[in-house]
């Protein structure tokens, strides 16, 4: 986790699955609570996201919206980007 100006960046590594999605959700929600304007989840080192991971990102997106904080998902590998997009999270992803 890194903070610069009004942006909190969270670098995510490995697989986001049922074994760790809750821990990620909690961490990203804490980042939303600390952010002034934007939380960026850097996904360049994420090889897999399963349904539990998608649910965690969707939950954090909802919490960010309520808090008036923008959530951005960046650097997703092609497979992860496709899974996120078809799961309704396309609008959060950087092109």
N, C-alpha and C. Protein backbone atom coordinates (compact mmCIF):
# COMPACT_ATOMS: atom_id res chain seq x y z
N UNK A 1 0.85 -1.18 0.00
CA UNK A 1 0.00 0.00 0.00
C UNK A 1 0.88 1.23 0.00
N UNK A 2 0.57 2.16 -0.89
CA UNK A 2 1.32 3.41 -0.97
C UNK A 2 0.33 4.57 -1.09
N UNK A 3 0.64 5.66 -0.43
CA UNK A 3 -0.19 6.85 -0.51
C UNK A 3 0.62 7.99 -1.11
N UNK A 4 0.03 8.67 -2.09
CA UNK A 4 0.66 9.84 -2.67
C UNK A 4 -0.45 10.83 -3.01
N UNK A 5 -0.31 12.04 -2.49
CA UNK A 5 -1.33 13.06 -2.67
C UNK A 5 -2.67 12.52 -2.17
N UNK A 6 -3.65 12.43 -3.03
CA UNK A 6 -4.96 11.92 -2.60
C UNK A 6 -5.30 10.58 -3.24
N UNK A 7 -4.24 9.81 -3.57
CA UNK A 7 -4.41 8.48 -4.18
C UNK A 7 -3.76 7.42 -3.31
N UNK A 8 -4.51 6.36 -3.02
CA UNK A 8 -3.98 5.21 -2.31
C UNK A 8 -3.86 4.08 -3.33
N UNK A 9 -2.64 3.54 -3.47
CA UNK A 9 -2.40 2.44 -4.41
C UNK A 9 -2.15 1.16 -3.64
N UNK A 10 -2.86 0.12 -4.00
CA UNK A 10 -2.70 -1.20 -3.39
C UNK A 10 -2.19 -2.15 -4.47
N UNK A 11 -1.02 -2.72 -4.26
CA UNK A 11 -0.46 -3.67 -5.22
C UNK A 11 -0.87 -5.07 -4.77
N UNK A 12 -1.54 -5.78 -5.67
CA UNK A 12 -2.07 -7.11 -5.37
C UNK A 12 -1.18 -8.14 -6.09
N UNK A 13 -0.84 -9.22 -5.39
CA UNK A 13 0.04 -10.26 -5.95
C UNK A 13 -0.65 -11.63 -5.90
N UNK A 14 -0.30 -12.49 -6.83
CA UNK A 14 -0.74 -13.88 -6.78
C UNK A 14 -2.14 -14.10 -7.31
N UNK A 15 -2.81 -15.05 -6.72
CA UNK A 15 -4.18 -15.39 -7.12
C UNK A 15 -5.15 -14.79 -6.12
N UNK A 16 -6.29 -14.32 -6.63
CA UNK A 16 -7.35 -13.82 -5.77
C UNK A 16 -8.47 -14.85 -5.86
N UNK A 17 -8.55 -15.67 -4.81
CA UNK A 17 -9.52 -16.76 -4.82
C UNK A 17 -10.19 -16.88 -3.46
N UNK A 18 -10.96 -17.94 -3.28
CA UNK A 18 -11.73 -18.11 -2.05
C UNK A 18 -10.86 -18.16 -0.80
N UNK A 19 -9.61 -18.51 -0.96
CA UNK A 19 -8.72 -18.61 0.20
C UNK A 19 -8.25 -17.26 0.71
N UNK A 20 -8.25 -16.24 -0.14
CA UNK A 20 -7.72 -14.95 0.30
C UNK A 20 -8.58 -13.74 -0.09
N UNK A 21 -9.70 -13.96 -0.75
CA UNK A 21 -10.53 -12.85 -1.21
C UNK A 21 -11.03 -11.99 -0.06
N UNK A 22 -11.36 -12.59 1.06
CA UNK A 22 -11.85 -11.82 2.20
C UNK A 22 -10.75 -10.90 2.74
N UNK A 23 -9.54 -11.38 2.80
CA UNK A 23 -8.42 -10.56 3.27
C UNK A 23 -8.20 -9.38 2.31
N UNK A 24 -8.31 -9.63 1.02
CA UNK A 24 -8.18 -8.56 0.04
C UNK A 24 -9.32 -7.55 0.20
N UNK A 25 -10.53 -8.04 0.36
CA UNK A 25 -11.69 -7.16 0.54
C UNK A 25 -11.48 -6.23 1.73
N UNK A 26 -11.05 -6.77 2.83
CA UNK A 26 -10.82 -5.96 4.04
C UNK A 26 -9.72 -4.93 3.78
N UNK A 27 -8.64 -5.36 3.16
CA UNK A 27 -7.55 -4.44 2.87
C UNK A 27 -7.97 -3.30 1.95
N UNK A 28 -8.71 -3.63 0.91
CA UNK A 28 -9.17 -2.58 -0.01
C UNK A 28 -10.19 -1.67 0.64
N UNK A 29 -11.04 -2.20 1.52
CA UNK A 29 -11.99 -1.34 2.23
C UNK A 29 -11.26 -0.38 3.17
N UNK A 30 -10.18 -0.83 3.79
CA UNK A 30 -9.36 0.07 4.61
C UNK A 30 -8.76 1.16 3.73
N UNK A 31 -8.31 0.79 2.55
CA UNK A 31 -7.76 1.78 1.62
C UNK A 31 -8.81 2.81 1.23
N UNK A 32 -10.04 2.36 0.99
CA UNK A 32 -11.13 3.28 0.68
C UNK A 32 -11.35 4.25 1.84
N UNK A 33 -11.27 3.75 3.06
CA UNK A 33 -11.45 4.60 4.23
C UNK A 33 -10.35 5.64 4.38
N UNK A 34 -9.16 5.34 3.89
CA UNK A 34 -8.01 6.25 3.99
C UNK A 34 -7.93 7.22 2.82
N UNK A 35 -8.55 6.87 1.71
CA UNK A 35 -8.40 7.65 0.48
C UNK A 35 -9.19 8.94 0.53
N UNK A 36 -8.63 9.96 -0.07
CA UNK A 36 -9.33 11.22 -0.22
C UNK A 36 -10.15 11.21 -1.50
N UNK A 37 -9.53 10.70 -2.57
CA UNK A 37 -10.19 10.74 -3.86
C UNK A 37 -10.22 9.41 -4.60
N UNK A 38 -9.09 8.68 -4.61
CA UNK A 38 -8.98 7.52 -5.49
C UNK A 38 -8.24 6.38 -4.82
N UNK A 39 -8.71 5.15 -5.05
CA UNK A 39 -7.98 3.94 -4.69
C UNK A 39 -7.67 3.22 -6.00
N UNK A 40 -6.40 2.90 -6.18
CA UNK A 40 -5.96 2.17 -7.37
C UNK A 40 -5.52 0.78 -6.91
N UNK A 41 -6.13 -0.25 -7.48
CA UNK A 41 -5.69 -1.63 -7.23
C UNK A 41 -4.86 -2.05 -8.43
N UNK A 42 -3.56 -2.23 -8.20
CA UNK A 42 -2.63 -2.62 -9.25
C UNK A 42 -2.64 -4.14 -9.34
N UNK A 43 -3.14 -4.67 -10.45
CA UNK A 43 -3.35 -6.11 -10.61
C UNK A 43 -2.33 -6.77 -11.53
N UNK A 44 -1.24 -6.08 -11.85
CA UNK A 44 -0.29 -6.63 -12.84
C UNK A 44 0.31 -7.96 -12.41
N UNK A 45 0.38 -8.24 -11.11
CA UNK A 45 0.95 -9.50 -10.62
C UNK A 45 -0.12 -10.51 -10.20
N UNK A 46 -1.34 -10.32 -10.70
CA UNK A 46 -2.44 -11.24 -10.39
C UNK A 46 -2.67 -12.14 -11.60
N UNK A 47 -2.52 -13.44 -11.38
CA UNK A 47 -2.66 -14.40 -12.47
C UNK A 47 -4.07 -14.98 -12.59
N UNK A 48 -4.85 -14.92 -11.50
CA UNK A 48 -6.17 -15.55 -11.49
C UNK A 48 -7.08 -14.81 -10.53
N UNK A 49 -8.34 -14.65 -10.94
CA UNK A 49 -9.39 -14.13 -10.07
C UNK A 49 -10.58 -15.06 -10.21
N UNK A 50 -11.06 -15.60 -9.09
CA UNK A 50 -12.24 -16.47 -9.16
C UNK A 50 -13.47 -15.69 -8.70
N UNK A 51 -14.60 -16.40 -8.54
CA UNK A 51 -15.86 -15.75 -8.18
C UNK A 51 -15.76 -15.02 -6.83
N UNK A 52 -15.04 -15.59 -5.89
CA UNK A 52 -14.88 -14.93 -4.59
C UNK A 52 -14.10 -13.63 -4.74
N UNK A 53 -13.12 -13.62 -5.61
CA UNK A 53 -12.35 -12.41 -5.87
C UNK A 53 -13.22 -11.35 -6.54
N UNK A 54 -14.02 -11.76 -7.51
CA UNK A 54 -14.94 -10.83 -8.17
C UNK A 54 -15.89 -10.23 -7.16
N UNK A 55 -16.43 -11.06 -6.27
CA UNK A 55 -17.34 -10.57 -5.25
C UNK A 55 -16.65 -9.56 -4.33
N UNK A 56 -15.40 -9.81 -4.00
CA UNK A 56 -14.65 -8.87 -3.15
C UNK A 56 -14.48 -7.53 -3.86
N UNK A 57 -14.09 -7.55 -5.14
CA UNK A 57 -13.94 -6.30 -5.88
C UNK A 57 -15.27 -5.57 -6.02
N UNK A 58 -16.36 -6.30 -6.25
CA UNK A 58 -17.68 -5.68 -6.38
C UNK A 58 -18.09 -5.03 -5.06
N UNK A 59 -17.81 -5.69 -3.94
CA UNK A 59 -18.13 -5.14 -2.62
C UNK A 59 -17.35 -3.85 -2.38
N UNK A 60 -16.07 -3.86 -2.70
CA UNK A 60 -15.23 -2.68 -2.51
C UNK A 60 -15.69 -1.56 -3.44
N UNK A 61 -16.08 -1.87 -4.65
CA UNK A 61 -16.58 -0.86 -5.58
C UNK A 61 -17.82 -0.18 -5.01
N UNK A 62 -18.70 -0.96 -4.42
CA UNK A 62 -19.90 -0.41 -3.79
C UNK A 62 -19.55 0.49 -2.61
N UNK A 63 -18.64 0.03 -1.76
CA UNK A 63 -18.21 0.83 -0.61
C UNK A 63 -17.54 2.12 -1.06
N UNK A 64 -16.73 2.05 -2.11
CA UNK A 64 -16.06 3.24 -2.63
C UNK A 64 -17.08 4.24 -3.16
N UNK A 65 -18.08 3.74 -3.87
CA UNK A 65 -19.11 4.62 -4.41
C UNK A 65 -19.84 5.35 -3.29
N UNK A 66 -20.21 4.64 -2.25
CA UNK A 66 -20.89 5.25 -1.11
C UNK A 66 -20.01 6.31 -0.44
N UNK A 67 -18.70 6.05 -0.38
CA UNK A 67 -17.76 6.96 0.27
C UNK A 67 -17.35 8.12 -0.64
N UNK A 68 -17.77 8.10 -1.90
CA UNK A 68 -17.37 9.14 -2.84
C UNK A 68 -15.93 9.03 -3.29
N UNK A 69 -15.41 7.80 -3.27
CA UNK A 69 -14.03 7.53 -3.67
C UNK A 69 -14.06 6.73 -4.96
N UNK A 70 -13.20 7.10 -5.89
CA UNK A 70 -13.10 6.36 -7.16
C UNK A 70 -12.23 5.13 -6.95
N UNK A 71 -12.69 3.97 -7.41
CA UNK A 71 -11.89 2.74 -7.41
C UNK A 71 -11.49 2.46 -8.84
N UNK A 72 -10.17 2.29 -9.06
CA UNK A 72 -9.65 1.95 -10.38
C UNK A 72 -8.87 0.65 -10.29
N UNK A 73 -9.05 -0.21 -11.27
CA UNK A 73 -8.31 -1.47 -11.38
C UNK A 73 -7.36 -1.33 -12.55
N UNK A 74 -6.06 -1.48 -12.30
CA UNK A 74 -5.08 -1.25 -13.35
C UNK A 74 -4.18 -2.45 -13.56
N UNK A 75 -3.61 -2.53 -14.75
CA UNK A 75 -2.56 -3.50 -15.05
C UNK A 75 -2.98 -4.95 -15.15
N UNK A 76 -4.25 -5.24 -15.27
CA UNK A 76 -4.71 -6.64 -15.30
C UNK A 76 -4.18 -7.37 -16.52
N UNK A 77 -3.69 -8.58 -16.29
CA UNK A 77 -3.28 -9.46 -17.38
C UNK A 77 -4.52 -9.80 -18.21
N UNK A 78 -4.35 -10.18 -19.48
CA UNK A 78 -5.50 -10.38 -20.37
C UNK A 78 -6.59 -11.32 -19.81
N UNK A 79 -6.19 -12.46 -19.24
CA UNK A 79 -7.19 -13.38 -18.71
C UNK A 79 -7.97 -12.76 -17.55
N UNK A 80 -7.25 -12.13 -16.64
CA UNK A 80 -7.89 -11.49 -15.49
C UNK A 80 -8.79 -10.34 -15.96
N UNK A 81 -8.30 -9.56 -16.91
CA UNK A 81 -9.10 -8.44 -17.44
C UNK A 81 -10.40 -8.94 -18.06
N UNK A 82 -10.33 -10.06 -18.77
CA UNK A 82 -11.54 -10.61 -19.39
C UNK A 82 -12.54 -11.07 -18.33
N UNK A 83 -12.05 -11.77 -17.31
CA UNK A 83 -12.93 -12.24 -16.23
C UNK A 83 -13.59 -11.05 -15.53
N UNK A 84 -12.79 -10.02 -15.25
CA UNK A 84 -13.33 -8.84 -14.58
C UNK A 84 -14.37 -8.15 -15.46
N UNK A 85 -14.08 -8.04 -16.74
CA UNK A 85 -14.99 -7.35 -17.66
C UNK A 85 -16.33 -8.06 -17.78
N UNK A 86 -16.31 -9.37 -17.97
CA UNK A 86 -17.56 -10.10 -18.13
C UNK A 86 -18.33 -10.21 -16.81
N UNK A 87 -17.67 -9.87 -15.72
CA UNK A 87 -18.30 -9.93 -14.40
C UNK A 87 -18.91 -8.59 -14.01
N UNK A 88 -18.87 -7.62 -14.92
CA UNK A 88 -19.51 -6.34 -14.65
C UNK A 88 -18.59 -5.29 -14.05
N UNK A 89 -17.29 -5.54 -14.05
CA UNK A 89 -16.36 -4.58 -13.45
C UNK A 89 -15.58 -3.80 -14.51
N UNK A 90 -15.99 -3.88 -15.74
CA UNK A 90 -15.29 -3.23 -16.86
C UNK A 90 -15.11 -1.73 -16.62
N UNK A 91 -16.11 -1.06 -16.08
CA UNK A 91 -16.04 0.39 -15.91
C UNK A 91 -14.98 0.83 -14.89
N UNK A 92 -14.51 -0.11 -14.06
CA UNK A 92 -13.49 0.21 -13.07
C UNK A 92 -12.08 0.04 -13.64
N UNK A 93 -11.97 -0.62 -14.78
CA UNK A 93 -10.67 -0.97 -15.33
C UNK A 93 -10.11 0.12 -16.22
N UNK A 94 -8.81 0.37 -16.07
CA UNK A 94 -8.12 1.27 -16.99
C UNK A 94 -7.94 0.56 -18.31
N UNK A 95 -8.10 1.29 -19.37
CA UNK A 95 -7.98 0.68 -20.71
C UNK A 95 -6.56 0.25 -21.00
